[in-house]
Amino acid sequence: MTASFMHCYKKTKQLLCACLFALLASSAFAANSSLNIRSADLVAVEDEYALNADIDLKFNDEVEQAVNKGFELNFLIEFQLITPRKYWFDDEIKTVSQRVALGYHALSRQYLVIRGDQQKTFATLAEAQQDLATVRDLKVMQKSELEKGLTYRAILLMRLDHKKLPKSLQVDALGSNDWKMSSQRFEWSPSLLKSEPK
């Protein structure tokens, strides 16, 4: 009877420990900011190709507080098109970067997303994040820059630009996982054709 009770006690203890570990791990993961590219594609727009991408972007409490205090966050979207080579370095065809800034205007109580000379305003941080995480019609190259018959490889990255953070945040950001927002290297093989001569 005692042996059976002890066996049951050990099993219950192991189960409780496993549940506690899973709970702690999931809460630690949820506490971190994250940036992951879900999908990306190149679409033909007249004589050019434009980049569309969807990104999962989450901020933890510390990053959200910084935005709400008026600190501007600058993100870099980095696109590259290459021709893979078997016995040599890949041939770089095109490299394009776009800077996107997220900020908060205290007087109007609006969140701002700035892409180049375009600025959008949002009532909530969640709406601003959704816009920040959606790349649409970013022109990356002319069709005339490509050659028919070649195999192309596209690469996309998105990251928080730590150098653009205010000095007061840079020190905290260097040693903290809360501020390590950088996507994976997202790669795909787009179907691209050179435009027909006119």
Protein backbone atom coordinates (compact mmCIF):
# COMPACT_ATOMS: atom_id res chain seq x y z
CA MET A 1 0.00 0.00 0.00
CA THR A 2 2.82 2.37 0.97
CA ALA A 3 4.82 1.50 -2.16
CA SER A 4 1.77 2.18 -4.33
CA PHE A 5 1.18 5.52 -2.59
CA MET A 6 4.84 6.54 -3.02
CA HIS A 7 4.76 5.61 -6.71
CA CYS A 8 1.61 7.69 -7.22
CA TYR A 9 3.14 10.60 -5.28
CA LYS A 10 6.30 10.55 -7.46
CA LYS A 11 4.24 10.49 -10.66
CA THR A 12 2.10 13.42 -9.48
CA LYS A 13 5.20 15.37 -8.45
CA GLN A 14 6.82 14.76 -11.85
CA LEU A 15 3.64 15.87 -13.64
CA LEU A 16 3.40 19.05 -11.56
CA CYS A 17 7.07 19.87 -12.20
CA ALA A 18 6.60 19.34 -15.95
CA CYS A 19 3.53 21.61 -15.99
CA LEU A 20 5.33 24.30 -13.99
CA PHE A 21 8.34 24.16 -16.34
CA ALA A 22 6.08 24.45 -19.42
CA LEU A 23 4.23 27.39 -17.85
CA LEU A 24 7.47 29.22 -17.02
CA ALA A 25 8.90 28.56 -20.48
CA SER A 26 5.76 29.81 -22.25
CA SER A 27 5.56 32.95 -20.08
CA ALA A 28 9.24 33.70 -20.70
CA PHE A 29 8.69 33.28 -24.44
CA ALA A 30 5.61 35.49 -24.35
CA ALA A 31 7.56 38.19 -22.52
CA ASN A 32 10.04 38.59 -25.37
CA SER A 33 9.56 40.82 -28.37
CA SER A 34 9.61 38.93 -31.66
CA LEU A 35 9.89 39.57 -35.37
CA ASN A 36 9.28 36.76 -37.89
CA ILE A 37 8.67 36.94 -41.63
CA ARG A 38 5.64 34.82 -42.52
CA SER A 39 5.57 35.28 -46.29
CA ALA A 40 7.13 37.35 -49.06
CA ASP A 41 6.67 37.63 -52.81
CA LEU A 42 7.64 39.75 -55.80
CA VAL A 43 4.85 41.00 -58.03
CA ALA A 44 5.09 42.61 -61.47
CA VAL A 45 3.90 46.22 -61.57
CA GLU A 46 4.24 47.58 -65.13
CA ASP A 47 8.00 47.66 -65.82
CA GLU A 48 9.03 46.95 -62.23
CA TYR A 49 8.89 44.33 -59.52
CA ALA A 50 7.47 45.20 -56.12
CA LEU A 51 7.90 43.42 -52.81
CA ASN A 52 4.97 42.32 -50.67
CA ALA A 53 5.56 40.70 -47.27
CA ASP A 54 3.68 39.80 -44.11
CA ILE A 55 5.51 39.81 -40.78
CA ASP A 56 4.63 38.69 -37.27
CA LEU A 57 5.72 41.54 -35.00
CA LYS A 58 5.22 41.53 -31.24
CA PHE A 59 6.44 43.98 -28.61
CA ASN A 60 6.91 43.15 -24.95
CA ASP A 61 5.90 45.54 -22.16
CA GLU A 62 9.27 47.30 -22.04
CA VAL A 63 9.25 48.12 -25.75
CA GLU A 64 5.61 49.23 -25.64
CA GLN A 65 6.37 51.54 -22.70
CA ALA A 66 9.29 53.08 -24.60
CA VAL A 67 7.04 53.81 -27.60
CA ASN A 68 4.33 55.27 -25.36
CA LYS A 69 6.92 57.54 -23.74
CA GLY A 70 7.71 59.02 -27.14
CA PHE A 71 10.82 57.06 -28.14
CA GLU A 72 10.98 56.41 -31.90
CA LEU A 73 11.81 52.92 -33.13
CA ASN A 74 13.50 52.58 -36.53
CA PHE A 75 13.30 49.31 -38.44
CA LEU A 76 15.23 48.31 -41.56
CA ILE A 77 13.66 46.17 -44.27
CA GLU A 78 16.53 44.71 -46.32
CA PHE A 79 15.90 42.97 -49.63
CA GLN A 80 18.47 41.30 -51.86
CA LEU A 81 18.21 39.47 -55.18
CA ILE A 82 21.06 37.14 -56.13
CA THR A 83 21.97 34.60 -58.78
CA PRO A 84 23.34 31.52 -57.00
CA ARG A 85 26.66 30.18 -58.28
CA LYS A 86 27.87 26.67 -57.59
CA TYR A 87 31.63 27.20 -57.42
CA TRP A 88 31.92 30.91 -56.70
CA PHE A 89 30.30 33.67 -54.67
CA ASP A 90 26.67 34.42 -55.48
CA ASP A 91 26.17 37.22 -57.99
CA GLU A 92 24.39 40.14 -56.32
CA ILE A 93 21.80 41.60 -58.69
CA LYS A 94 20.02 44.11 -56.47
CA THR A 95 20.05 45.30 -52.86
CA VAL A 96 17.32 47.57 -51.51
CA SER A 97 16.77 48.92 -47.98
CA GLN A 98 13.78 50.73 -46.60
CA ARG A 99 13.66 52.44 -43.22
CA VAL A 100 10.35 52.40 -41.36
CA ALA A 101 9.88 54.41 -38.17
CA LEU A 102 7.31 53.93 -35.43
CA GLY A 103 6.60 56.74 -32.97
CA TYR A 104 3.99 58.28 -30.72
CA HIS A 105 2.79 61.89 -30.81
CA ALA A 106 1.67 62.77 -27.27
CA LEU A 107 -0.25 65.94 -28.17
CA SER A 108 -2.48 64.26 -30.75
CA ARG A 109 -2.33 60.89 -28.94
CA GLN A 110 -1.65 59.16 -32.23
CA TYR A 111 0.87 56.55 -33.28
CA LEU A 112 2.88 57.31 -36.41
CA VAL A 113 4.35 54.95 -39.01
CA ILE A 114 6.75 56.71 -41.38
CA ARG A 115 8.02 55.13 -44.62
CA GLY A 116 10.18 57.55 -46.59
CA ASP A 117 8.05 60.65 -47.19
CA GLN A 118 4.79 58.86 -46.36
CA GLN A 119 3.29 59.09 -42.89
CA LYS A 120 0.25 57.27 -41.50
CA THR A 121 -1.46 57.88 -38.17
CA PHE A 122 -3.23 55.33 -35.95
CA ALA A 123 -5.35 55.51 -32.83
CA THR A 124 -3.79 52.43 -31.20
CA LEU A 125 -0.37 50.82 -31.02
CA ALA A 126 -1.84 47.52 -32.25
CA GLU A 127 -3.02 49.21 -35.48
CA ALA A 128 0.38 50.86 -35.97
CA GLN A 129 2.14 47.52 -35.42
CA GLN A 130 -0.10 45.86 -38.00
CA ASP A 131 0.83 48.49 -40.58
CA LEU A 132 4.52 48.23 -39.66
CA ALA A 133 4.35 44.46 -40.15
CA THR A 134 2.79 44.72 -43.63
CA VAL A 135 4.99 45.52 -46.63
CA ARG A 136 3.08 46.39 -49.79
CA ASP A 137 4.22 47.57 -53.21
CA LEU A 138 7.82 48.32 -52.23
CA LYS A 139 9.46 48.78 -55.63
CA VAL A 140 12.74 46.89 -55.65
CA MET A 141 13.90 46.62 -59.28
CA GLN A 142 13.22 47.22 -62.96
CA LYS A 143 12.36 44.23 -65.13
CA SER A 144 15.12 45.35 -67.49
CA GLU A 145 17.71 44.52 -64.78
CA LEU A 146 16.95 40.80 -65.13
CA GLU A 147 17.86 38.18 -67.71
CA LYS A 148 15.65 35.39 -69.01
CA GLY A 149 16.75 31.86 -68.22
CA LEU A 150 18.65 32.73 -65.03
CA THR A 151 17.72 31.32 -61.64
CA TYR A 152 17.19 33.99 -59.01
CA ARG A 153 17.09 33.80 -55.24
CA ALA A 154 15.42 36.47 -53.12
CA ILE A 155 16.39 37.22 -49.52
CA LEU A 156 14.49 39.36 -47.02
CA LEU A 157 15.38 40.53 -43.51
CA MET A 158 13.78 42.97 -41.10
CA ARG A 159 15.42 44.26 -37.93
CA LEU A 160 15.34 46.98 -35.34
CA ASP A 161 18.14 49.49 -36.00
CA HIS A 162 19.81 49.77 -32.58
CA LYS A 163 22.06 52.59 -33.79
CA LYS A 164 19.00 54.81 -34.27
CA LEU A 165 17.74 54.27 -30.72
CA PRO A 166 18.10 57.22 -28.34
CA LYS A 167 21.33 57.06 -26.30
CA SER A 168 19.36 56.43 -23.11
CA LEU A 169 17.93 53.22 -24.63
CA GLN A 170 21.03 52.00 -26.46
CA VAL A 171 22.75 50.86 -23.26
CA ASP A 172 19.69 48.89 -22.13
CA ALA A 173 19.14 47.44 -25.59
CA LEU A 174 22.69 46.10 -25.97
CA GLY A 175 22.45 43.58 -23.15
CA SER A 176 18.75 42.82 -23.21
CA ASN A 177 16.77 40.16 -25.07
CA ASP A 178 13.78 42.51 -24.92
CA TRP A 179 15.33 44.63 -27.67
CA LYS A 180 16.77 41.89 -29.90
CA MET A 181 14.28 42.24 -32.71
CA SER A 182 15.67 40.72 -35.88
CA SER A 183 13.87 38.40 -38.27
CA GLN A 184 15.15 35.17 -39.68
CA ARG A 185 16.79 35.22 -43.12
CA PHE A 186 13.74 34.57 -45.31
CA GLU A 187 14.65 33.10 -48.73
CA TRP A 188 12.62 32.05 -51.72
CA SER A 189 12.95 31.44 -55.48
CA PRO A 190 10.77 33.96 -57.33
CA SER A 191 9.64 33.42 -60.92
CA LEU A 192 10.99 36.46 -62.74
CA LEU A 193 11.11 37.27 -66.44
CA LYS A 194 12.83 40.08 -68.25
CA SER A 195 10.35 42.52 -69.81
CA GLU A 196 9.81 42.16 -73.52
CA PRO A 197 11.56 44.78 -75.70
CA LYS A 198 9.22 47.49 -76.96
